[in-house]
Protein backbone atom coordinates (compact mmCIF):
# COMPACT_ATOMS: atom_id res chain seq x y z
CA ALA A 1 -0.09 0.06 0.03
CA SER A 2 2.90 2.35 0.91
CA VAL A 3 4.17 2.10 -2.88
CA MET A 4 0.79 1.16 -4.97
CA GLU A 5 -1.49 4.12 -3.34
CA LEU A 6 -0.73 7.39 -4.25
CA THR A 7 -2.40 10.98 -3.19
CA LEU A 8 -2.76 13.68 -5.51
CA ASP A 9 -1.36 16.92 -4.69
CA GLY A 10 -0.23 20.06 -6.13
CA GLU A 11 2.93 18.71 -7.38
CA GLY A 12 1.42 15.43 -9.17
CA TRP A 13 1.31 11.81 -7.47
CA ARG A 14 3.05 11.10 -3.88
CA ASN A 15 3.36 7.78 -2.38
CA LYS A 16 2.63 6.90 1.29
CA LEU A 17 6.41 7.11 1.84
CA GLY A 18 5.95 10.73 0.94
CA THR A 19 8.04 10.46 -2.46
CA HIS A 20 6.89 12.20 -5.49
CA VAL A 21 5.95 9.37 -8.21
CA GLU A 22 7.15 9.57 -12.09
CA ALA A 23 4.89 7.21 -13.43
CA GLU A 24 2.92 6.98 -16.79
CA ALA A 25 -0.69 8.07 -15.92
CA GLU A 26 -2.43 5.29 -18.01
CA ARG A 27 -1.55 2.93 -14.99
CA ILE A 28 -2.72 5.18 -12.30
CA PHE A 29 -6.65 4.66 -11.75
CA PRO A 30 -8.77 6.36 -9.29
CA LEU A 31 -9.14 4.81 -6.03
CA LEU A 32 -11.93 4.98 -3.16
CA LYS A 33 -11.71 3.73 0.21
CA GLY A 34 -14.37 2.46 2.63
CA ALA A 35 -14.41 5.74 4.55
CA ASP A 36 -15.28 7.44 1.04
CA LEU A 37 -18.42 5.44 0.39
CA LYS A 38 -19.74 5.80 3.91
CA ARG A 39 -19.24 9.83 3.39
CA GLY A 40 -20.77 9.66 -0.16
CA ASP A 41 -17.16 11.56 -1.26
CA ILE A 42 -17.27 9.53 -4.58
CA ALA A 43 -17.33 11.95 -7.30
CA SER A 44 -13.76 13.23 -7.68
CA PRO A 45 -11.35 11.05 -5.91
CA THR A 46 -7.99 12.60 -4.99
CA ARG A 47 -6.49 9.15 -4.42
CA GLY A 48 -4.88 6.84 -6.88
CA ILE A 49 -3.75 3.25 -7.36
CA ILE A 50 -1.30 1.97 -9.57
CA ILE A 51 -2.33 -1.12 -11.59
CA THR A 52 0.40 -3.45 -12.69
CA GLN A 53 -1.97 -6.24 -14.12
CA TYR A 54 -5.21 -6.45 -15.75
CA HIS A 55 -5.70 -9.96 -14.45
CA LEU A 56 -3.51 -12.07 -11.99
CA SER A 57 -1.65 -14.27 -14.47
CA GLU A 58 -0.63 -11.26 -16.82
CA GLU A 59 3.14 -10.94 -17.12
CA THR A 60 4.37 -7.97 -15.85
CA ASP A 61 7.67 -7.64 -17.56
CA GLN A 62 5.68 -5.96 -20.48
CA LEU A 63 5.79 -2.83 -18.44
CA ALA A 64 8.98 -2.37 -19.57
CA GLY A 65 8.01 -1.52 -23.10
CA GLN A 66 4.98 0.83 -22.52
CA PHE A 67 5.43 2.11 -19.20
CA PRO A 68 9.22 2.39 -18.49
CA ASN A 69 8.80 5.12 -15.65
CA LEU A 70 6.53 2.67 -13.89
CA LEU A 71 8.65 -0.13 -14.11
CA ALA A 72 11.76 1.83 -12.97
CA TYR A 73 9.60 2.95 -9.83
CA LEU A 74 8.37 -0.51 -9.20
CA GLU A 75 11.88 -1.91 -9.21
CA GLN A 76 12.83 0.79 -6.53
CA HIS A 77 10.55 -1.09 -4.01
CA ARG A 78 11.16 -4.69 -5.33
CA ALA A 79 12.27 -5.63 -1.77
CA LEU A 80 8.85 -4.48 -0.37
CA PHE A 81 7.17 -6.52 -2.92
CA ALA A 82 9.28 -9.62 -2.03
CA GLN A 83 8.03 -9.51 1.73
CA ARG A 84 4.31 -10.17 0.86
CA LYS A 85 3.50 -13.51 2.77
CA SER A 86 0.35 -14.73 0.95
CA SER A 87 0.40 -17.52 -1.01
CA ILE A 88 -1.48 -15.95 -3.93
CA TYR A 89 1.85 -14.32 -4.95
CA ARG A 90 3.72 -17.65 -5.13
CA ASN A 91 5.01 -18.38 -8.58
CA ARG A 92 3.29 -15.23 -9.94
CA PRO A 93 4.87 -12.32 -12.18
CA ALA A 94 6.82 -9.85 -10.25
CA PHE A 95 4.68 -6.93 -9.10
CA ALA A 96 1.51 -9.09 -9.37
CA MET A 97 -1.63 -7.79 -7.67
CA PHE A 98 -4.66 -9.46 -5.95
CA GLY A 99 -8.07 -8.82 -6.49
CA VAL A 100 -7.97 -7.98 -10.54
CA GLY A 101 -9.90 -9.14 -13.39
CA HIS A 102 -12.37 -7.96 -15.86
CA TYR A 103 -14.94 -6.80 -13.56
CA THR A 104 -12.53 -4.47 -12.03
CA PHE A 105 -12.47 -2.08 -15.19
CA VAL A 106 -16.18 -2.03 -15.71
CA PRO A 107 -17.18 1.57 -15.81
CA TYR A 108 -20.70 1.32 -13.68
CA LYS A 109 -20.27 -0.32 -10.09
CA VAL A 110 -22.57 -0.19 -7.14
CA ALA A 111 -20.14 -0.43 -3.81
CA VAL A 112 -20.56 -0.84 -0.01
CA ALA A 113 -17.74 -0.08 2.64
CA GLY A 114 -17.51 -3.36 4.82
CA LEU A 115 -16.40 -1.62 8.02
CA TYR A 116 -19.48 0.15 8.75
CA ALA A 117 -23.27 -0.36 9.15
CA PRO A 118 -26.00 0.01 8.05
CA PRO A 119 -24.96 -0.50 4.46
CA ILE A 120 -25.06 2.46 2.36
CA PHE A 121 -24.70 1.35 -1.31
CA ARG A 122 -22.98 4.11 -3.73
CA LEU A 123 -23.43 4.34 -7.38
CA VAL A 124 -19.95 4.58 -8.61
CA THR A 125 -19.26 6.26 -12.36
CA PRO A 126 -16.06 6.67 -13.88
CA ALA A 127 -13.67 9.62 -12.60
CA HIS A 128 -10.99 11.38 -14.51
CA GLY A 129 -12.02 9.41 -17.37
CA LYS A 130 -11.23 5.88 -15.60
CA PRO A 131 -13.09 3.23 -13.83
CA VAL A 132 -13.09 3.70 -10.02
CA ILE A 133 -11.03 1.19 -8.04
CA PHE A 134 -11.77 0.20 -4.46
CA ASP A 135 -9.57 -0.78 -1.26
CA ASP A 136 -10.22 -4.19 0.12
CA THR A 137 -12.52 -3.38 2.78
CA CYS A 138 -15.24 -2.65 0.19
CA TYR A 139 -17.62 -4.90 -2.10
CA PHE A 140 -18.96 -3.92 -5.41
CA ILE A 141 -21.04 -5.29 -8.15
CA ALA A 142 -19.61 -4.60 -11.76
CA CYS A 143 -23.02 -3.43 -13.66
CA GLN A 144 -22.89 -3.86 -17.27
CA SER A 145 -24.99 -0.67 -17.75
CA MET A 146 -25.83 2.55 -15.88
CA ALA A 147 -29.62 1.70 -15.88
CA GLN A 148 -28.57 -1.51 -14.49
CA ALA A 149 -26.37 -0.05 -11.87
CA ARG A 150 -29.11 2.47 -10.73
CA LEU A 151 -31.71 -0.45 -10.47
CA LEU A 152 -29.25 -2.42 -8.19
CA ASN A 153 -28.43 0.64 -6.23
CA THR A 154 -32.26 1.64 -5.91
CA LEU A 155 -32.96 -1.79 -4.91
CA LEU A 156 -30.02 -2.44 -2.41
CA ASN A 157 -30.84 0.78 -0.44
CA HIS A 158 -34.61 0.17 -0.19
CA SER A 159 -36.21 -0.09 3.37
CA VAL A 160 -37.06 -3.97 2.56
CA SER A 161 -33.26 -4.96 1.75
CA GLN A 162 -32.04 -2.64 4.83
CA ALA A 163 -34.38 -4.24 7.15
CA PHE A 164 -32.94 -7.47 6.17
CA PHE A 165 -29.38 -6.63 6.55
CA ALA A 166 -30.08 -5.09 9.90
CA SER A 167 -31.95 -8.31 11.11
CA ILE A 168 -28.63 -10.30 10.43
CA CYS A 169 -25.88 -7.79 10.75
CA PHE A 170 -23.90 -7.35 13.96
CA ALA A 171 -23.24 -3.54 13.94
CA ASP A 172 -20.40 -3.90 16.64
CA ALA A 173 -18.15 -6.39 14.75
CA LYS A 174 -14.95 -5.67 13.37
CA ARG A 175 -16.23 -5.81 9.85
CA PRO A 176 -20.17 -6.04 10.07
CA ILE A 177 -20.56 -5.99 6.31
CA THR A 178 -19.09 -9.21 4.73
CA LYS A 179 -19.38 -11.09 1.46
CA GLY A 180 -21.41 -13.94 2.95
CA LEU A 181 -23.90 -11.55 4.70
CA LEU A 182 -24.45 -9.59 1.41
CA GLN A 183 -24.83 -12.34 -0.52
CA ARG A 184 -27.52 -13.81 1.63
CA LEU A 185 -29.96 -11.24 0.20
CA ASN A 186 -32.28 -12.56 -2.39
CA LEU A 187 -32.76 -9.87 -5.14
CA VAL A 188 -35.60 -11.57 -7.12
CA ALA A 189 -37.40 -11.98 -3.63
CA VAL A 190 -36.73 -8.38 -2.59
CA LEU A 191 -37.86 -7.08 -6.33
CA GLU A 192 -41.34 -9.43 -6.22
CA HIS A 193 -41.91 -7.61 -2.71
CA ILE A 194 -41.22 -4.33 -3.87
CA GLY A 195 -42.99 -4.69 -7.38
CA HIS A 196 -41.55 -4.09 -10.52
CA ASP A 197 -43.02 -0.88 -11.45
CA VAL A 198 -42.56 0.62 -8.02
CA LEU A 199 -38.89 -0.28 -8.18
CA LEU A 200 -38.70 1.10 -11.88
CA ASP A 201 -40.24 4.27 -10.77
CA LEU A 202 -38.13 4.70 -7.80
CA ALA A 203 -34.76 4.19 -9.90
CA LYS A 204 -36.35 6.58 -12.60
CA THR A 205 -36.88 9.11 -9.72
CA HIS A 206 -33.44 8.68 -8.18
CA HIS A 207 -31.71 9.08 -11.67
CA ALA A 208 -33.50 12.15 -12.76
CA ASN A 209 -32.23 13.76 -9.39
CA SER A 210 -28.86 13.01 -10.24
CA SER A 211 -26.20 14.49 -12.70
CA CYS A 212 -25.69 11.35 -14.64
CA GLU A 213 -26.36 10.86 -18.46
CA PRO A 214 -30.31 10.03 -19.30
CA ILE A 215 -31.58 6.61 -19.62
CA SER A 216 -33.57 5.59 -22.32
CA GLU A 217 -36.70 3.43 -21.93
CA GLN A 218 -35.12 0.49 -23.97
CA ALA A 219 -32.17 0.66 -21.43
CA TRP A 220 -34.46 0.35 -18.46
CA LYS A 221 -35.97 -2.51 -20.28
CA GLU A 222 -32.76 -4.32 -21.17
CA ALA A 223 -31.26 -3.75 -17.26
CA PHE A 224 -34.19 -5.38 -16.21
CA ALA A 225 -34.23 -8.22 -18.38
CA THR A 226 -30.25 -9.02 -17.62
CA LEU A 227 -30.10 -8.09 -14.14
CA PHE A 228 -32.63 -10.32 -12.67
CA VAL A 229 -31.84 -13.38 -15.06
CA ASP A 230 -28.34 -13.31 -13.70
CA ALA A 231 -29.48 -12.93 -10.06
CA GLN A 232 -31.29 -16.28 -10.37
CA THR A 233 -28.42 -17.86 -11.70
CA GLN A 234 -25.46 -16.59 -9.91
CA PRO A 235 -24.35 -14.48 -7.08
CA LEU A 236 -23.91 -10.65 -8.38
CA LEU A 237 -21.90 -9.28 -5.46
CA LEU A 238 -18.26 -9.72 -5.61
């Protein structure tokens, strides 16, 4: 974290060691932490994170050709990477990252902080022209469209969903919101309880009150068709 997490100041990016970082902008993505989600400070992140891979098995020696400044920076801190104890990095490329995949780079996400109860879900869109990355205290759903993200965000923040979470959540736990807890919510059952038309009207109202781009009627229809078919066949929360 001291090497990969950056903060933007008047002189550019700095790492947690206080060092100014010279690295190609293409591999620095906006970063949000759990506290940002709790407060709702999501519109313009001032933190960034270096992305060395787009999936865990991707070789990192390719950085030399396209991103020589970034590779030189990583090489300066190779000893810190070597100290990582997790078996996930065993026999992996140098400077490998955990928790990256196609879902990491989708533009629309519904995210929640794991360290705070009750869970407040935020619809997160790209910042500075790039998809937003979260720290490991957060959980998120990777959405195929803005309409799908708006429907999910509305459903998860609805009083029915919130009442369910309150009934199974231990608010004084170190991490009150967990992956297992989130995946116990049956999205289709909540939809059936709320009603298709009610959820759609709420989602449209919430979206109209936002500064996001308009959503067509066809996009709303497609979002419903894809979202709740997926919800019956596989967990949506990552």
